[in-house]
PDB file of N, CA and C in Angstrom:
ATOM      1  N   MET A   1     -25.682   0.071  -1.710  1.00  0.00           N
ATOM      2  CA  MET A   1     -24.801   0.341  -2.826  1.00  0.00           C
ATOM      3  C   MET A   1     -24.855  -0.844  -3.792  1.00  0.00           C
ATOM      4  N   LEU A   2     -24.946  -0.543  -5.050  1.00  0.00           N
ATOM      5  CA  LEU A   2     -25.018  -1.560  -6.092  1.00  0.00           C
ATOM      6  C   LEU A   2     -23.649  -2.210  -6.286  1.00  0.00           C
ATOM      7  N   LYS A   3     -23.616  -3.532  -6.204  1.00  0.00           N
ATOM      8  CA  LYS A   3     -22.382  -4.286  -6.452  1.00  0.00           C
ATOM      9  C   LYS A   3     -22.536  -4.971  -7.800  1.00  0.00           C
ATOM     10  N   VAL A   4     -21.783  -4.491  -8.791  1.00  0.00           N
ATOM     11  CA  VAL A   4     -21.933  -4.957 -10.165  1.00  0.00           C
ATOM     12  C   VAL A   4     -21.628  -6.445 -10.279  1.00  0.00           C
ATOM     13  N   ASP A   5     -20.618  -6.921  -9.574  1.00  0.00           N
ATOM     14  CA  ASP A   5     -20.258  -8.339  -9.674  1.00  0.00           C
ATOM     15  C   ASP A   5     -21.362  -9.244  -9.132  1.00  0.00           C
ATOM     16  N   ASP A   6     -21.994  -8.831  -8.034  1.00  0.00           N
ATOM     17  CA  ASP A   6     -23.119  -9.609  -7.490  1.00  0.00           C
ATOM     18  C   ASP A   6     -24.300  -9.603  -8.450  1.00  0.00           C
ATOM     19  N   LEU A   7     -24.584  -8.433  -9.017  1.00  0.00           N
ATOM     20  CA  LEU A   7     -25.683  -8.312  -9.974  1.00  0.00           C
ATOM     21  C   LEU A   7     -25.406  -9.175 -11.209  1.00  0.00           C
ATOM     22  N   LYS A   8     -24.182  -9.122 -11.701  1.00  0.00           N
ATOM     23  CA  LYS A   8     -23.792  -9.927 -12.862  1.00  0.00           C
ATOM     24  C   LYS A   8     -23.959 -11.411 -12.570  1.00  0.00           C
ATOM     25  N   SER A   9     -23.544 -11.833 -11.393  1.00  0.00           N
ATOM     26  CA  SER A   9     -23.673 -13.233 -10.991  1.00  0.00           C
ATOM     27  C   SER A   9     -25.142 -13.661 -10.934  1.00  0.00           C
ATOM     28  N   GLN A  10     -25.993 -12.798 -10.394  1.00  0.00           N
ATOM     29  CA  GLN A  10     -27.421 -13.113 -10.300  1.00  0.00           C
ATOM     30  C   GLN A  10     -28.066 -13.195 -11.684  1.00  0.00           C
ATOM     31  N   ILE A  11     -27.688 -12.285 -12.571  1.00  0.00           N
ATOM     32  CA  ILE A  11     -28.232 -12.312 -13.931  1.00  0.00           C
ATOM     33  C   ILE A  11     -27.761 -13.567 -14.658  1.00  0.00           C
ATOM     34  N   LYS A  12     -26.476 -13.903 -14.503  1.00  0.00           N
ATOM     35  CA  LYS A  12     -25.941 -15.106 -15.151  1.00  0.00           C
ATOM     36  C   LYS A  12     -26.651 -16.361 -14.636  1.00  0.00           C
ATOM     37  N   THR A  13     -26.885 -16.428 -13.345  1.00  0.00           N
ATOM     38  CA  THR A  13     -27.596 -17.565 -12.760  1.00  0.00           C
ATOM     39  C   THR A  13     -29.014 -17.646 -13.306  1.00  0.00           C
ATOM     40  N   GLY A  14     -29.666 -16.502 -13.442  1.00  0.00           N
ATOM     41  CA  GLY A  14     -31.016 -16.476 -14.011  1.00  0.00           C
ATOM     42  C   GLY A  14     -31.033 -16.988 -15.439  1.00  0.00           C
ATOM     43  N   ILE A  15     -30.064 -16.575 -16.236  1.00  0.00           N
ATOM     44  CA  ILE A  15     -29.976 -17.049 -17.622  1.00  0.00           C
ATOM     45  C   ILE A  15     -29.754 -18.555 -17.638  1.00  0.00           C
ATOM     46  N   GLN A  16     -28.857 -19.025 -16.782  1.00  0.00           N
ATOM     47  CA  GLN A  16     -28.536 -20.457 -16.757  1.00  0.00           C
ATOM     48  C   GLN A  16     -29.698 -21.298 -16.238  1.00  0.00           C
ATOM     49  N   ASN A  17     -30.513 -20.741 -15.366  1.00  0.00           N
ATOM     50  CA  ASN A  17     -31.632 -21.501 -14.804  1.00  0.00           C
ATOM     51  C   ASN A  17     -32.906 -21.435 -15.649  1.00  0.00           C
ATOM     52  N   ILE A  18     -33.025 -20.412 -16.496  1.00  0.00           N
ATOM     53  CA  ILE A  18     -34.256 -20.248 -17.269  1.00  0.00           C
ATOM     54  C   ILE A  18     -34.015 -20.453 -18.765  1.00  0.00           C
ATOM     55  N   VAL A  19     -33.076 -19.729 -19.323  1.00  0.00           N
ATOM     56  CA  VAL A  19     -32.886 -19.736 -20.776  1.00  0.00           C
ATOM     57  C   VAL A  19     -32.233 -21.029 -21.267  1.00  0.00           C
ATOM     58  N   ILE A  20     -31.210 -21.487 -20.588  1.00  0.00           N
ATOM     59  CA  ILE A  20     -30.474 -22.672 -21.046  1.00  0.00           C
ATOM     60  C   ILE A  20     -31.364 -23.917 -21.052  1.00  0.00           C
ATOM     61  N   PRO A  21     -32.107 -24.202 -19.973  1.00  0.00           N
ATOM     62  CA  PRO A  21     -33.025 -25.346 -20.034  1.00  0.00           C
ATOM     63  C   PRO A  21     -34.097 -25.181 -21.119  1.00  0.00           C
ATOM     64  N   ALA A  22     -34.533 -23.959 -21.364  1.00  0.00           N
ATOM     65  CA  ALA A  22     -35.532 -23.722 -22.413  1.00  0.00           C
ATOM     66  C   ALA A  22     -34.953 -24.048 -23.788  1.00  0.00           C
ATOM     67  N   ILE A  23     -33.710 -23.678 -24.010  1.00  0.00           N
ATOM     68  CA  ILE A  23     -33.063 -23.986 -25.293  1.00  0.00           C
ATOM     69  C   ILE A  23     -32.932 -25.497 -25.463  1.00  0.00           C
ATOM     70  N   GLU A  24     -32.534 -26.180 -24.405  1.00  0.00           N
ATOM     71  CA  GLU A  24     -32.414 -27.638 -24.477  1.00  0.00           C
ATOM     72  C   GLU A  24     -33.780 -28.266 -24.789  1.00  0.00           C
ATOM     73  N   HIS A  25     -34.823 -27.777 -24.142  1.00  0.00           N
ATOM     74  CA  HIS A  25     -36.171 -28.306 -24.374  1.00  0.00           C
ATOM     75  C   HIS A  25     -36.629 -28.045 -25.817  1.00  0.00           C
ATOM     76  N   ILE A  26     -36.346 -26.868 -26.335  1.00  0.00           N
ATOM     77  CA  ILE A  26     -36.705 -26.540 -27.719  1.00  0.00           C
ATOM     78  C   ILE A  26     -35.980 -27.459 -28.692  1.00  0.00           C
ATOM     79  N   GLU A  27     -34.698 -27.698 -28.430  1.00  0.00           N
ATOM     80  CA  GLU A  27     -33.932 -28.605 -29.297  1.00  0.00           C
ATOM     81  C   GLU A  27     -34.515 -30.019 -29.265  1.00  0.00           C
ATOM     82  N   LEU A  28     -34.950 -30.462 -28.103  1.00  0.00           N
ATOM     83  CA  LEU A  28     -35.567 -31.794 -27.999  1.00  0.00           C
ATOM     84  C   LEU A  28     -36.900 -31.840 -28.753  1.00  0.00           C
ATOM     85  N   MET A  29     -37.646 -30.744 -28.720  1.00  0.00           N
ATOM     86  CA  MET A  29     -38.941 -30.701 -29.410  1.00  0.00           C
ATOM     87  C   MET A  29     -38.781 -30.710 -30.929  1.00  0.00           C
ATOM     88  N   LYS A  30     -37.643 -30.237 -31.424  1.00  0.00           N
ATOM     89  CA  LYS A  30     -37.414 -30.193 -32.867  1.00  0.00           C
ATOM     90  C   LYS A  30     -37.163 -31.577 -33.465  1.00  0.00           C
ATOM     91  N   GLN A  31     -36.862 -32.538 -32.611  1.00  0.00           N
ATOM     92  CA  GLN A  31     -36.549 -33.885 -33.096  1.00  0.00           C
ATOM     93  C   GLN A  31     -37.823 -34.728 -33.168  1.00  0.00           C
ATOM     94  N   PRO A  32     -37.977 -35.479 -34.261  1.00  0.00           N
ATOM     95  CA  PRO A  32     -39.206 -36.257 -34.439  1.00  0.00           C
ATOM     96  C   PRO A  32     -39.356 -37.424 -33.462  1.00  0.00           C
ATOM     97  N   VAL A  33     -38.238 -37.996 -33.018  1.00  0.00           N
ATOM     98  CA  VAL A  33     -38.281 -39.111 -32.058  1.00  0.00           C
ATOM     99  C   VAL A  33     -37.247 -38.873 -30.964  1.00  0.00           C
ATOM    100  N   THR A  34     -37.486 -39.480 -29.815  1.00  0.00           N
ATOM    101  CA  THR A  34     -36.537 -39.365 -28.710  1.00  0.00           C
ATOM    102  C   THR A  34     -35.444 -40.400 -28.867  1.00  0.00           C
ATOM    103  N   SER A  35     -34.203 -39.939 -28.731  1.00  0.00           N
ATOM    104  CA  SER A  35     -33.070 -40.864 -28.821  1.00  0.00           C
ATOM    105  C   SER A  35     -31.932 -40.337 -27.965  1.00  0.00           C
ATOM    106  N   GLU A  36     -30.988 -41.209 -27.662  1.00  0.00           N
ATOM    107  CA  GLU A  36     -29.822 -40.790 -26.876  1.00  0.00           C
ATOM    108  C   GLU A  36     -29.004 -39.751 -27.626  1.00  0.00           C
ATOM    109  N   ILE A  37     -28.837 -39.960 -28.915  1.00  0.00           N
ATOM    110  CA  ILE A  37     -28.052 -39.021 -29.725  1.00  0.00           C
ATOM    111  C   ILE A  37     -28.747 -37.661 -29.762  1.00  0.00           C
ATOM    112  N   GLY A  38     -30.053 -37.656 -29.920  1.00  0.00           N
ATOM    113  CA  GLY A  38     -30.802 -36.406 -29.944  1.00  0.00           C
ATOM    114  C   GLY A  38     -30.743 -35.680 -28.614  1.00  0.00           C
ATOM    115  N   THR A  39     -30.857 -36.424 -27.530  1.00  0.00           N
ATOM    116  CA  THR A  39     -30.770 -35.834 -26.193  1.00  0.00           C
ATOM    117  C   THR A  39     -29.383 -35.238 -25.961  1.00  0.00           C
ATOM    118  N   GLU A  40     -28.371 -35.954 -26.382  1.00  0.00           N
ATOM    119  CA  GLU A  40     -26.995 -35.466 -26.239  1.00  0.00           C
ATOM    120  C   GLU A  40     -26.769 -34.221 -27.093  1.00  0.00           C
ATOM    121  N   GLN A  41     -27.313 -34.236 -28.306  1.00  0.00           N
ATOM    122  CA  GLN A  41     -27.178 -33.073 -29.192  1.00  0.00           C
ATOM    123  C   GLN A  41     -27.866 -31.849 -28.603  1.00  0.00           C
ATOM    124  N   ALA A  42     -29.059 -32.025 -28.054  1.00  0.00           N
ATOM    125  CA  ALA A  42     -29.780 -30.913 -27.423  1.00  0.00           C
ATOM    126  C   ALA A  42     -28.983 -30.357 -26.246  1.00  0.00           C
ATOM    127  N   LYS A  43     -28.395 -31.249 -25.450  1.00  0.00           N
ATOM    128  CA  LYS A  43     -27.569 -30.829 -24.313  1.00  0.00           C
ATOM    129  C   LYS A  43     -26.348 -30.054 -24.800  1.00  0.00           C
ATOM    130  N   ASN A  44     -25.723 -30.516 -25.889  1.00  0.00           N
ATOM    131  CA  ASN A  44     -24.546 -29.828 -26.444  1.00  0.00           C
ATOM    132  C   ASN A  44     -24.895 -28.429 -26.941  1.00  0.00           C
ATOM    133  N   VAL A  45     -26.043 -28.294 -27.611  1.00  0.00           N
ATOM    134  CA  VAL A  45     -26.473 -26.979 -28.100  1.00  0.00           C
ATOM    135  C   VAL A  45     -26.706 -26.030 -26.914  1.00  0.00           C
ATOM    136  N   ALA A  46     -27.388 -26.513 -25.888  1.00  0.00           N
ATOM    137  CA  ALA A  46     -27.655 -25.688 -24.705  1.00  0.00           C
ATOM    138  C   ALA A  46     -26.361 -25.299 -24.000  1.00  0.00           C
ATOM    139  N   ASP A  47     -25.438 -26.245 -23.868  1.00  0.00           N
ATOM    140  CA  ASP A  47     -24.154 -25.949 -23.221  1.00  0.00           C
ATOM    141  C   ASP A  47     -23.332 -24.945 -24.026  1.00  0.00           C
ATOM    142  N   THR A  48     -23.349 -25.085 -25.343  1.00  0.00           N
ATOM    143  CA  THR A  48     -22.620 -24.140 -26.190  1.00  0.00           C
ATOM    144  C   THR A  48     -23.216 -22.746 -26.076  1.00  0.00           C
ATOM    145  N   PHE A  49     -24.539 -22.655 -26.078  1.00  0.00           N
ATOM    146  CA  PHE A  49     -25.207 -21.369 -25.893  1.00  0.00           C
ATOM    147  C   PHE A  49     -24.816 -20.764 -24.549  1.00  0.00           C
ATOM    148  N   ASP A  50     -24.788 -21.585 -23.514  1.00  0.00           N
ATOM    149  CA  ASP A  50     -24.406 -21.125 -22.176  1.00  0.00           C
ATOM    150  C   ASP A  50     -22.991 -20.553 -22.186  1.00  0.00           C
ATOM    151  N   GLU A  51     -22.067 -21.270 -22.806  1.00  0.00           N
ATOM    152  CA  GLU A  51     -20.669 -20.822 -22.853  1.00  0.00           C
ATOM    153  C   GLU A  51     -20.510 -19.523 -23.632  1.00  0.00           C
ATOM    154  N   LEU A  52     -21.265 -19.376 -24.709  1.00  0.00           N
ATOM    155  CA  LEU A  52     -21.109 -18.206 -25.575  1.00  0.00           C
ATOM    156  C   LEU A  52     -21.888 -16.982 -25.100  1.00  0.00           C
ATOM    157  N   ILE A  53     -23.013 -17.180 -24.438  1.00  0.00           N
ATOM    158  CA  ILE A  53     -23.932 -16.074 -24.168  1.00  0.00           C
ATOM    159  C   ILE A  53     -24.043 -15.668 -22.704  1.00  0.00           C
ATOM    160  N   SER A  54     -24.128 -16.604 -21.782  1.00  0.00           N
ATOM    161  CA  SER A  54     -24.480 -16.284 -20.388  1.00  0.00           C
ATOM    162  C   SER A  54     -23.577 -15.229 -19.756  1.00  0.00           C
ATOM    163  N   GLU A  55     -22.289 -15.440 -19.795  1.00  0.00           N
ATOM    164  CA  GLU A  55     -21.344 -14.511 -19.157  1.00  0.00           C
ATOM    165  C   GLU A  55     -21.356 -13.132 -19.823  1.00  0.00           C
ATOM    166  N   PRO A  56     -21.181 -13.036 -21.149  1.00  0.00           N
ATOM    167  CA  PRO A  56     -21.176 -11.704 -21.762  1.00  0.00           C
ATOM    168  C   PRO A  56     -22.504 -10.960 -21.628  1.00  0.00           C
ATOM    169  N   LEU A  57     -23.613 -11.671 -21.776  1.00  0.00           N
ATOM    170  CA  LEU A  57     -24.923 -11.024 -21.661  1.00  0.00           C
ATOM    171  C   LEU A  57     -25.150 -10.522 -20.237  1.00  0.00           C
ATOM    172  N   ALA A  58     -24.788 -11.320 -19.247  1.00  0.00           N
ATOM    173  CA  ALA A  58     -24.931 -10.901 -17.848  1.00  0.00           C
ATOM    174  C   ALA A  58     -24.082  -9.666 -17.573  1.00  0.00           C
ATOM    175  N   GLU A  59     -22.889  -9.621 -18.133  1.00  0.00           N
ATOM    176  CA  GLU A  59     -22.002  -8.471 -17.924  1.00  0.00           C
ATOM    177  C   GLU A  59     -22.574  -7.210 -18.571  1.00  0.00           C
ATOM    178  N   VAL A  60     -23.080  -7.329 -19.778  1.00  0.00           N
ATOM    179  CA  VAL A  60     -23.659  -6.173 -20.474  1.00  0.00           C
ATOM    180  C   VAL A  60     -24.869  -5.636 -19.707  1.00  0.00           C
ATOM    181  N   ILE A  61     -25.745  -6.523 -19.272  1.00  0.00           N
ATOM    182  CA  ILE A  61     -26.942  -6.096 -18.539  1.00  0.00           C
ATOM    183  C   ILE A  61     -26.563  -5.471 -17.197  1.00  0.00           C
ATOM    184  N   ALA A  62     -25.644  -6.097 -16.469  1.00  0.00           N
ATOM    185  CA  ALA A  62     -25.226  -5.567 -15.163  1.00  0.00           C
ATOM    186  C   ALA A  62     -24.581  -4.193 -15.308  1.00  0.00           C
ATOM    187  N   ASN A  63     -23.731  -4.020 -16.320  1.00  0.00           N
ATOM    188  CA  ASN A  63     -23.084  -2.722 -16.524  1.00  0.00           C
ATOM    189  C   ASN A  63     -24.082  -1.652 -16.953  1.00  0.00           C
ATOM    190  N   ALA A  64     -25.077  -2.028 -17.736  1.00  0.00           N
ATOM    191  CA  ALA A  64     -26.103  -1.067 -18.130  1.00  0.00           C
ATOM    192  C   ALA A  64     -26.916  -0.621 -16.918  1.00  0.00           C
ATOM    193  N   ILE A  65     -27.302  -1.563 -16.075  1.00  0.00           N
ATOM    194  CA  ILE A  65     -28.045  -1.225 -14.854  1.00  0.00           C
ATOM    195  C   ILE A  65     -27.198  -0.345 -13.950  1.00  0.00           C
ATOM    196  N   ASP A  66     -25.929  -0.699 -13.782  1.00  0.00           N
ATOM    197  CA  ASP A  66     -25.011   0.075 -12.949  1.00  0.00           C
ATOM    198  C   ASP A  66     -24.889   1.510 -13.464  1.00  0.00           C
ATOM    199  N   TYR A  67     -24.746   1.653 -14.767  1.00  0.00           N
ATOM    200  CA  TYR A  67     -24.616   2.986 -15.366  1.00  0.00           C
ATOM    201  C   TYR A  67     -25.847   3.843 -15.070  1.00  0.00           C
ATOM    202  N   TYR A  68     -27.029   3.269 -15.303  1.00  0.00           N
ATOM    203  CA  TYR A  68     -28.250   4.054 -15.103  1.00  0.00           C
ATOM    204  C   TYR A  68     -28.528   4.335 -13.638  1.00  0.00           C
ATOM    205  N   VAL A  69     -28.191   3.420 -12.754  1.00  0.00           N
ATOM    206  CA  VAL A  69     -28.402   3.658 -11.327  1.00  0.00           C
ATOM    207  C   VAL A  69     -27.464   4.758 -10.828  1.00  0.00           C
ATOM    208  N   LYS A  70     -26.225   4.720 -11.279  1.00  0.00           N
ATOM    209  CA  LYS A  70     -25.252   5.718 -10.814  1.00  0.00           C
ATOM    210  C   LYS A  70     -25.485   7.095 -11.438  1.00  0.00           C
ATOM    211  N   ASN A  71     -26.187   7.165 -12.544  1.00  0.00           N
ATOM    212  CA  ASN A  71     -26.416   8.439 -13.207  1.00  0.00           C
ATOM    213  C   ASN A  71     -27.864   8.905 -13.094  1.00  0.00           C
ATOM    214  N   ILE A  72     -28.565   8.380 -12.112  1.00  0.00           N
ATOM    215  CA  ILE A  72     -29.963   8.743 -11.939  1.00  0.00           C
ATOM    216  C   ILE A  72     -30.061  10.185 -11.439  1.00  0.00           C
ATOM    217  N   ALA A  73     -31.044  10.878 -11.905  1.00  0.00           N
ATOM    218  CA  ALA A  73     -31.293  12.241 -11.439  1.00  0.00           C
ATOM    219  C   ALA A  73     -32.755  12.314 -11.014  1.00  0.00           C
ATOM    220  N   ILE A  74     -32.964  12.754  -9.807  1.00  0.00           N
ATOM    221  CA  ILE A  74     -34.325  12.893  -9.284  1.00  0.00           C
ATOM    222  C   ILE A  74     -34.657  14.378  -9.287  1.00  0.00           C
ATOM    223  N   THR A  75     -35.740  14.733  -9.915  1.00  0.00           N
ATOM    224  CA  THR A  75     -36.167  16.128  -9.883  1.00  0.00           C
ATOM    225  C   THR A  75     -37.476  16.206  -9.127  1.00  0.00           C
ATOM    226  N   GLY A  76     -37.708  17.336  -8.558  1.00  0.00           N
ATOM    227  CA  GLY A  76     -38.930  17.494  -7.792  1.00  0.00           C
ATOM    228  C   GLY A  76     -39.309  18.949  -7.683  1.00  0.00           C
ATOM    229  N   THR A  77     -40.448  19.202  -7.127  1.00  0.00           N
ATOM    230  CA  THR A  77     -40.920  20.565  -6.932  1.00  0.00           C
ATOM    231  C   THR A  77     -40.715  20.947  -5.481  1.00  0.00           C
ATOM    232  N   ILE A  78     -40.062  22.049  -5.282  1.00  0.00           N
ATOM    233  CA  ILE A  78     -39.826  22.563  -3.930  1.00  0.00           C
ATOM    234  C   ILE A  78     -40.816  23.700  -3.709  1.00  0.00           C
ATOM    235  N   VAL A  79     -41.632  23.555  -2.703  1.00  0.00           N
ATOM    236  CA  VAL A  79     -42.609  24.592  -2.384  1.00  0.00           C
ATOM    237  C   VAL A  79     -42.000  25.486  -1.321  1.00  0.00           C
ATOM    238  N   THR A  80     -41.883  26.745  -1.645  1.00  0.00           N
ATOM    239  CA  THR A  80     -41.326  27.689  -0.684  1.00  0.00           C
ATOM    240  C   THR A  80     -42.433  28.166   0.238  1.00  0.00           C
ATOM    241  N   VAL A  81     -42.201  28.061   1.520  1.00  0.00           N
ATOM    242  CA  VAL A  81     -43.202  28.443   2.511  1.00  0.00           C
ATOM    243  C   VAL A  81     -43.293  29.960   2.568  1.00  0.00           C
ATOM    244  N   GLY A  82     -44.510  30.453   2.535  1.00  0.00           N
ATOM    245  CA  GLY A  82     -44.722  31.889   2.643  1.00  0.00           C
ATOM    246  C   GLY A  82     -44.688  32.601   1.304  1.00  0.00           C
ATOM    247  N   GLY A  83     -44.404  31.885   0.232  1.00  0.00           N
ATOM    248  CA  GLY A  83     -44.379  32.530  -1.084  1.00  0.00           C
ATOM    249  C   GLY A  83     -45.304  31.817  -2.046  1.00  0.00           C
ATOM    250  N   PRO A  84     -45.779  32.507  -3.045  1.00  0.00           N
ATOM    251  CA  PRO A  84     -46.715  31.905  -3.990  1.00  0.00           C
ATOM    252  C   PRO A  84     -46.054  31.104  -5.114  1.00  0.00           C
ATOM    253  N   TYR A  85     -44.747  30.960  -5.089  1.00  0.00           N
ATOM    254  CA  TYR A  85     -44.043  30.355  -6.206  1.00  0.00           C
ATOM    255  C   TYR A  85     -43.514  28.962  -5.859  1.00  0.00           C
ATOM    256  N   THR A  86     -43.453  28.107  -6.849  1.00  0.00           N
ATOM    257  CA  THR A  86     -42.784  26.816  -6.700  1.00  0.00           C
ATOM    258  C   THR A  86     -41.600  26.807  -7.652  1.00  0.00           C
ATOM    259  N   GLN A  87     -40.605  26.047  -7.300  1.00  0.00           N
ATOM    260  CA  GLN A  87     -39.410  25.984  -8.130  1.00  0.00           C
ATOM    261  C   GLN A  87     -39.023  24.527  -8.329  1.00  0.00           C
ATOM    262  N   THR A  88     -38.415  24.224  -9.455  1.00  0.00           N
ATOM    263  CA  THR A  88     -37.972  22.870  -9.745  1.00  0.00           C
ATOM    264  C   THR A  88     -36.463  22.813  -9.603  1.00  0.00           C
ATOM    265  N   ALA A  89     -35.981  21.761  -8.950  1.00  0.00           N
ATOM    266  CA  ALA A  89     -34.541  21.617  -8.751  1.00  0.00           C
ATOM    267  C   ALA A  89     -34.148  20.163  -8.903  1.00  0.00           C
ATOM    268  N   GLN A  90     -32.924  19.938  -9.320  1.00  0.00           N
ATOM    269  CA  GLN A  90     -32.402  18.580  -9.392  1.00  0.00           C
ATOM    270  C   GLN A  90     -31.867  18.211  -8.012  1.00  0.00           C
ATOM    271  N   ILE A  91     -32.271  17.036  -7.539  1.00  0.00           N
ATOM    272  CA  ILE A  91     -31.796  16.539  -6.258  1.00  0.00           C
ATOM    273  C   ILE A  91     -30.696  15.535  -6.578  1.00  0.00           C
ATOM    274  N   ILE A  92     -29.476  15.871  -6.261  1.00  0.00           N
ATOM    275  CA  ILE A  92     -28.332  15.039  -6.619  1.00  0.00           C
ATOM    276  C   ILE A  92     -28.187  13.924  -5.599  1.00  0.00           C
ATOM    277  N   SER A  93     -28.133  12.690  -6.114  1.00  0.00           N
ATOM    278  CA  SER A  93     -27.990  11.550  -5.202  1.00  0.00           C
ATOM    279  C   SER A  93     -26.532  11.400  -4.799  1.00  0.00           C
ATOM    280  N   MET A  94     -26.321  11.156  -3.526  1.00  0.00           N
ATOM    281  CA  MET A  94     -24.975  10.967  -2.993  1.00  0.00           C
ATOM    282  C   MET A  94     -25.020   9.759  -2.073  1.00  0.00           C
ATOM    283  N   PRO A  95     -23.896   9.056  -1.931  1.00  0.00           N
ATOM    284  CA  PRO A  95     -23.895   7.886  -1.054  1.00  0.00           C
ATOM    285  C   PRO A  95     -24.289   8.216   0.388  1.00  0.00           C
ATOM    286  N   THR A  96     -23.844   9.359   0.890  1.00  0.00           N
ATOM    287  CA  THR A  96     -24.174   9.774   2.243  1.00  0.00           C
ATOM    288  C   THR A  96     -24.854  11.128   2.161  1.00  0.00           C
ATOM    289  N   PRO A  97     -26.077  11.248   2.659  1.00  0.00           N
ATOM    290  CA  PRO A  97     -26.756  12.541   2.579  1.00  0.00           C
ATOM    291  C   PRO A  97     -26.004  13.615   3.350  1.00  0.00           C
ATOM    292  N   VAL A  98     -25.728  14.712   2.682  1.00  0.00           N
ATOM    293  CA  VAL A  98     -24.994  15.811   3.293  1.00  0.00           C
ATOM    294  C   VAL A  98     -25.908  16.592   4.229  1.00  0.00           C
ATOM    295  N   THR A  99     -27.193  16.610   3.918  1.00  0.00           N
ATOM    296  CA  THR A  99     -28.121  17.459   4.656  1.00  0.00           C
ATOM    297  C   THR A  99     -28.856  16.731   5.779  1.00  0.00           C
ATOM    298  N   ASN A 100     -28.526  15.473   6.018  1.00  0.00           N
ATOM    299  CA  ASN A 100     -29.150  14.694   7.092  1.00  0.00           C
ATOM    300  C   ASN A 100     -30.663  14.704   7.031  1.00  0.00           C
ATOM    301  N   GLY A 101     -31.214  14.371   5.876  1.00  0.00           N
ATOM    302  CA  GLY A 101     -32.652  14.229   5.759  1.00  0.00           C
ATOM    303  C   GLY A 101     -33.387  15.465   5.306  1.00  0.00           C
ATOM    304  N   LYS A 102     -32.717  16.597   5.187  1.00  0.00           N
ATOM    305  CA  LYS A 102     -33.377  17.819   4.727  1.00  0.00           C
ATOM    306  C   LYS A 102     -33.263  17.898   3.206  1.00  0.00           C
ATOM    307  N   VAL A 103     -34.195  18.562   2.575  1.00  0.00           N
ATOM    308  CA  VAL A 103     -34.126  18.784   1.131  1.00  0.00           C
ATOM    309  C   VAL A 103     -32.976  19.747   0.865  1.00  0.00           C
ATOM    310  N   PRO A 104     -32.067  19.392  -0.041  1.00  0.00           N
ATOM    311  CA  PRO A 104     -30.946  20.278  -0.301  1.00  0.00           C
ATOM    312  C   PRO A 104     -31.408  21.611  -0.907  1.00  0.00           C
ATOM    313  N   ASN A 105     -30.791  22.671  -0.488  1.00  0.00           N
ATOM    314  CA  ASN A 105     -31.155  24.009  -0.944  1.00  0.00           C
ATOM    315  C   ASN A 105     -30.366  24.320  -2.216  1.00  0.00           C
ATOM    316  N   THR A 106     -30.700  23.616  -3.299  1.00  0.00           N
ATOM    317  CA  THR A 106     -29.946  23.768  -4.538  1.00  0.00           C
ATOM    318  C   THR A 106     -30.264  25.074  -5.271  1.00  0.00           C
ATOM    319  N   LEU A 107     -31.372  25.683  -4.948  1.00  0.00           N
ATOM    320  CA  LEU A 107     -31.771  26.918  -5.628  1.00  0.00           C
ATOM    321  C   LEU A 107     -31.402  28.168  -4.840  1.00  0.00           C
ATOM    322  N   GLY A 108     -30.810  28.002  -3.692  1.00  0.00           N
ATOM    323  CA  GLY A 108     -30.451  29.153  -2.870  1.00  0.00           C
ATOM    324  C   GLY A 108     -31.652  29.822  -2.228  1.00  0.00           C
ATOM    325  N   ILE A 109     -32.671  29.046  -1.917  1.00  0.00           N
ATOM    326  CA  ILE A 109     -33.868  29.606  -1.298  1.00  0.00           C
ATOM    327  C   ILE A 109     -33.573  29.941   0.153  1.00  0.00           C
ATOM    328  N   SER A 110     -33.947  31.135   0.557  1.00  0.00           N
ATOM    329  CA  SER A 110     -33.695  31.551   1.940  1.00  0.00           C
ATOM    330  C   SER A 110     -34.862  31.222   2.822  1.00  0.00           C
TER     331      SER A 110
END
């Protein structure tokens, strides 16, 4: 089962470990010489970006993933044994399979 809070935490950690250091590095590269003030300024820009972006962006991405995972629809072709016809049916995902491993008879096939 998808846990949105865990997913959000993992996405936020990924942003903080990859994007924030990259922003700090870019800010340092924009400066013509290395200095304490420049290093501090780059750190401040990265920290401000982290405060403004990491949490909300992680939440938006986690909620989008959660929405699509919970609303997934799997369709497939059911081949009826003994007949020349195939039929298409939506297989509804449920937390606990009602049919214990059997393909659900959504089309009323006998």
